[in-house]
Amino acid sequence: AAPSPRSYTTLRDEAVKLFNSLQQLESERDPVPLMQGVLQTCLDLPPLVDEIYCQLVKQTTEPPAPGGQSDLHYWQLLTCMSCTFLPSPPVLRFLHFHLDRTESRFPASEMAKYACFIREALGKTKGRECVPSLEEILVLMRRQEMICTVHCPGAPACSVAISSHTTAEESPSVAFVLPQVARELVSRLGLSQSPNLFALYEQSRRREQPVGNATLLADVLTRFE
């Protein structure tokens, strides 16, 4: 990933700035850029990841209006955090307790749905090269998947749904995109009996390169943004 153009001061000062950003999140009409800014700071300054997780747990514990807009903004940022960073083991245990408590106290609520989504995401997150794109944040706020358009040589483009954890490599635990795209490409080009292998490529005005098996496709989309 390209280095961040941001300049930072001390960790203490940046933690205070992040806290102020979280306070602003409560009333923000368009929270997506603010959320991406928080995520970018955490990516650039990893020691602040635990700090933000703890602050978000605090903000979503005994909120003044459970399930209100400001409360859900915190849950949405917590969702984006869970798809981008893993906290340290002690904070992770504390977070799981918070998620369990929320689902128990507010069953079938939006908060419980976010808690369930976050728990599943934490089981898949391994770290990101890039923070989620604006589009990815929007779909995470709705607990949905992104639609990725893949252009096939000699055939129309095809659209495939991907998550924040989709890589270019097939795994028995997750339905990854490459097998779907490869099968689509082989079928359209009449190469069902071909022994050739197929791969995903990312192409921009400056470069063209194959997408590595372990590469998160969401990171590829962020680089395009």
Protein backbone atom coordinates (compact mmCIF):
# COMPACT_ATOMS: atom_id res chain seq x y z
CA ALA A 1 0.00 0.00 0.00
CA ALA A 2 1.14 3.54 -0.64
CA PRO A 3 2.40 5.34 2.44
CA SER A 4 -0.11 7.62 4.11
CA PRO A 5 0.40 11.32 3.33
CA ARG A 6 -0.73 12.21 6.85
CA SER A 7 1.59 13.62 9.47
CA TYR A 8 1.11 12.70 13.11
CA THR A 9 2.12 14.06 16.49
CA THR A 10 2.44 11.99 19.67
CA LEU A 11 0.30 8.91 20.31
CA ARG A 12 -1.32 10.72 23.24
CA ASP A 13 -2.30 13.68 21.06
CA GLU A 14 -3.60 11.41 18.31
CA ALA A 15 -5.65 9.43 20.84
CA VAL A 16 -7.26 12.68 21.98
CA LYS A 17 -7.99 13.62 18.35
CA LEU A 18 -9.60 10.21 17.77
CA PHE A 19 -11.72 10.63 20.88
CA ASN A 20 -12.92 13.99 19.56
CA SER A 21 -13.69 12.35 16.21
CA LEU A 22 -15.81 9.73 17.98
CA GLN A 23 -17.73 12.47 19.76
CA GLN A 24 -18.33 14.18 16.42
CA LEU A 25 -19.55 10.87 14.98
CA GLU A 26 -22.70 11.06 17.11
CA SER A 27 -24.17 13.97 15.15
CA GLU A 28 -22.44 13.54 11.78
CA ARG A 29 -24.94 13.41 8.91
CA ASP A 30 -22.42 11.66 6.63
CA PRO A 31 -20.22 9.59 8.95
CA VAL A 32 -18.39 7.64 6.22
CA PRO A 33 -15.39 9.99 5.65
CA LEU A 34 -14.97 10.43 9.40
CA MET A 35 -15.01 6.65 9.89
CA GLN A 36 -12.42 6.19 7.16
CA GLY A 37 -10.23 8.83 8.81
CA VAL A 38 -10.34 6.97 12.13
CA LEU A 39 -9.50 3.69 10.39
CA GLN A 40 -6.60 5.30 8.51
CA THR A 41 -5.12 6.66 11.74
CA CYS A 42 -5.35 3.19 13.31
CA LEU A 43 -3.65 1.65 10.26
CA ASP A 44 -0.83 4.20 10.41
CA LEU A 45 -0.53 4.05 14.21
CA PRO A 46 -1.24 0.43 15.29
CA PRO A 47 -0.85 1.12 19.05
CA LEU A 48 -4.11 3.10 18.83
CA VAL A 49 -6.17 0.11 17.63
CA ASP A 50 -6.82 -1.16 21.18
CA GLU A 51 -7.59 2.39 22.30
CA ILE A 52 -10.33 2.82 19.69
CA TYR A 53 -11.81 -0.61 20.39
CA CYS A 54 -12.03 0.25 24.11
CA GLN A 55 -13.57 3.65 23.38
CA LEU A 56 -16.16 2.11 21.07
CA VAL A 57 -17.07 -0.53 23.64
CA LYS A 58 -17.50 2.24 26.19
CA GLN A 59 -19.66 4.33 23.85
CA THR A 60 -21.93 1.36 23.04
CA THR A 61 -22.35 0.36 26.70
CA GLU A 62 -25.42 1.89 28.39
CA PRO A 63 -25.98 4.50 25.62
CA PRO A 64 -28.56 7.25 26.31
CA ALA A 65 -30.70 6.02 23.41
CA PRO A 66 -30.02 2.35 22.60
CA GLY A 67 -30.51 1.77 18.88
CA GLY A 68 -30.65 5.50 18.12
CA GLN A 69 -28.71 7.06 15.26
CA SER A 70 -25.70 8.09 17.34
CA ASP A 71 -25.54 4.65 18.98
CA LEU A 72 -25.72 2.89 15.60
CA HIS A 73 -22.94 5.10 14.21
CA TYR A 74 -20.67 3.70 16.92
CA TRP A 75 -21.76 0.14 16.10
CA GLN A 76 -21.10 0.79 12.42
CA LEU A 77 -17.58 2.02 13.12
CA LEU A 78 -17.04 -0.98 15.39
CA THR A 79 -18.15 -3.16 12.46
CA CYS A 80 -15.58 -1.51 10.17
CA MET A 81 -12.88 -1.92 12.82
CA SER A 82 -13.67 -5.63 13.15
CA CYS A 83 -13.19 -6.13 9.41
CA THR A 84 -9.86 -4.26 9.41
CA PHE A 85 -7.96 -4.86 12.67
CA LEU A 86 -7.70 -7.49 15.38
CA PRO A 87 -7.29 -6.11 18.91
CA SER A 88 -4.84 -7.59 21.39
CA PRO A 89 -6.01 -10.80 23.15
CA PRO A 90 -7.13 -9.06 26.39
CA VAL A 91 -9.14 -6.45 24.47
CA LEU A 92 -10.53 -9.16 22.18
CA ARG A 93 -11.85 -11.09 25.20
CA PHE A 94 -13.40 -7.90 26.58
CA LEU A 95 -14.96 -7.18 23.19
CA HIS A 96 -16.49 -10.66 22.94
CA PHE A 97 -17.99 -10.21 26.40
CA HIS A 98 -19.50 -6.91 25.25
CA LEU A 99 -20.95 -8.53 22.11
CA ASP A 100 -22.46 -11.40 24.12
CA ARG A 101 -23.93 -8.98 26.64
CA THR A 102 -25.47 -6.83 23.89
CA GLU A 103 -27.10 -9.80 22.16
CA SER A 104 -28.46 -11.00 25.51
CA ARG A 105 -29.87 -7.63 26.56
CA PHE A 106 -31.23 -6.51 23.17
CA PRO A 107 -32.19 -9.66 21.23
CA ALA A 108 -33.40 -9.11 17.65
CA SER A 109 -32.31 -5.44 17.81
CA GLU A 110 -30.03 -3.69 15.31
CA MET A 111 -27.31 -3.65 17.97
CA ALA A 112 -27.59 -7.44 18.34
CA LYS A 113 -27.36 -7.86 14.57
CA TYR A 114 -24.19 -5.76 14.48
CA ALA A 115 -22.80 -7.72 17.43
CA CYS A 116 -23.37 -11.00 15.59
CA PHE A 117 -21.79 -9.63 12.40
CA ILE A 118 -18.77 -8.31 14.32
CA ARG A 119 -18.21 -11.64 16.07
CA GLU A 120 -18.17 -13.46 12.72
CA ALA A 121 -15.86 -10.85 11.19
CA LEU A 122 -13.35 -11.11 14.03
CA GLY A 123 -13.01 -14.81 13.29
CA LYS A 124 -11.89 -14.03 9.73
CA THR A 125 -9.92 -10.78 10.00
CA LYS A 126 -6.15 -11.13 9.58
CA GLY A 127 -5.12 -7.53 8.91
CA ARG A 128 -5.41 -5.20 5.95
CA GLU A 129 -2.98 -3.41 3.65
CA CYS A 130 -5.49 -0.62 3.13
CA VAL A 131 -8.40 0.72 5.13
CA PRO A 132 -11.86 0.01 3.69
CA SER A 133 -12.88 2.16 0.75
CA LEU A 134 -15.79 4.56 1.07
CA GLU A 135 -17.94 2.04 -0.82
CA GLU A 136 -16.89 -0.80 1.49
CA ILE A 137 -17.70 1.27 4.58
CA LEU A 138 -21.16 1.98 3.18
CA VAL A 139 -21.92 -1.71 2.65
CA LEU A 140 -20.45 -2.67 6.03
CA MET A 141 -22.77 -0.14 7.67
CA ARG A 142 -25.61 -2.19 6.16
CA ARG A 143 -23.91 -5.53 6.92
CA GLN A 144 -23.89 -6.37 3.21
CA GLU A 145 -21.40 -7.48 0.58
CA MET A 146 -19.78 -5.45 -2.18
CA ILE A 147 -20.33 -6.11 -5.87
CA CYS A 148 -17.04 -6.56 -7.69
CA THR A 149 -16.95 -6.27 -11.50
CA VAL A 150 -14.45 -8.57 -13.22
CA HIS A 151 -13.63 -8.01 -16.88
CA CYS A 152 -13.04 -11.22 -18.82
CA PRO A 153 -10.99 -11.19 -22.06
CA GLY A 154 -13.23 -11.87 -25.04
CA ALA A 155 -16.34 -11.97 -22.85
CA PRO A 156 -18.64 -9.53 -21.07
CA ALA A 157 -17.80 -8.39 -17.56
CA CYS A 158 -19.32 -10.36 -14.71
CA SER A 159 -20.31 -9.13 -11.26
CA VAL A 160 -19.51 -11.11 -8.12
CA ALA A 161 -20.38 -10.37 -4.50
CA ILE A 162 -17.35 -10.18 -2.19
CA SER A 163 -16.86 -9.48 1.51
CA SER A 164 -14.08 -7.70 3.39
CA HIS A 165 -12.41 -11.11 3.85
CA THR A 166 -12.59 -12.44 0.29
CA THR A 167 -9.19 -13.33 -1.13
CA ALA A 168 -8.18 -14.64 -4.53
CA GLU A 169 -7.59 -18.11 -3.09
CA GLU A 170 -10.28 -20.73 -2.53
CA SER A 171 -10.84 -21.91 1.03
CA PRO A 172 -13.24 -24.57 2.33
CA SER A 173 -14.58 -22.11 4.91
CA VAL A 174 -15.41 -19.15 2.65
CA ALA A 175 -16.85 -18.87 -0.87
CA PHE A 176 -14.06 -16.93 -2.56
CA VAL A 177 -14.34 -15.16 -5.90
CA LEU A 178 -11.63 -16.78 -8.01
CA PRO A 179 -13.32 -20.18 -8.54
CA GLN A 180 -16.54 -18.42 -9.58
CA VAL A 181 -14.75 -16.12 -12.01
CA ALA A 182 -12.57 -18.91 -13.39
CA ARG A 183 -15.59 -21.11 -14.04
CA GLU A 184 -17.42 -18.22 -15.69
CA LEU A 185 -14.41 -17.43 -17.89
CA VAL A 186 -13.85 -21.04 -18.89
CA SER A 187 -17.51 -21.44 -19.80
CA ARG A 188 -17.74 -18.24 -21.85
CA LEU A 189 -14.54 -18.88 -23.79
CA GLY A 190 -15.34 -22.53 -24.49
CA LEU A 191 -12.26 -23.75 -22.64
CA SER A 192 -13.86 -26.37 -20.43
CA GLN A 193 -11.29 -28.96 -21.52
CA SER A 194 -8.32 -26.56 -21.33
CA PRO A 195 -5.49 -27.49 -18.92
CA ASN A 196 -4.64 -23.80 -18.48
CA LEU A 197 -4.88 -21.99 -15.16
CA PHE A 198 -6.69 -18.69 -14.69
CA ALA A 199 -5.89 -15.78 -12.42
CA LEU A 200 -7.27 -12.39 -11.44
CA TYR A 201 -5.36 -9.27 -12.50
CA GLU A 202 -5.61 -5.71 -11.30
CA GLN A 203 -4.97 -3.09 -13.97
CA SER A 204 -4.64 0.66 -13.70
CA ARG A 205 -3.04 3.35 -15.84
CA ARG A 206 0.24 2.81 -14.04
CA ARG A 207 0.48 -0.93 -13.59
CA GLU A 208 -0.90 -4.35 -14.33
CA GLN A 209 -0.18 -7.26 -12.03
CA PRO A 210 -1.71 -10.56 -10.96
CA VAL A 211 -3.65 -10.60 -7.71
CA GLY A 212 -1.86 -12.87 -5.24
CA ASN A 213 -3.78 -15.79 -3.78
CA ALA A 214 -3.75 -14.29 -0.28
CA THR A 215 -4.59 -10.75 -1.42
CA LEU A 216 -7.81 -9.31 -0.06
CA LEU A 217 -9.87 -8.13 -2.99
CA ALA A 218 -11.26 -5.29 -0.85
CA ASP A 219 -7.71 -3.91 -0.62
CA VAL A 220 -7.45 -3.99 -4.41
CA LEU A 221 -10.67 -1.99 -4.69
CA THR A 222 -9.42 0.53 -2.13
CA ARG A 223 -6.26 1.11 -4.17
CA PHE A 224 -8.46 1.98 -7.15
CA GLU A 225 -10.42 4.46 -5.03
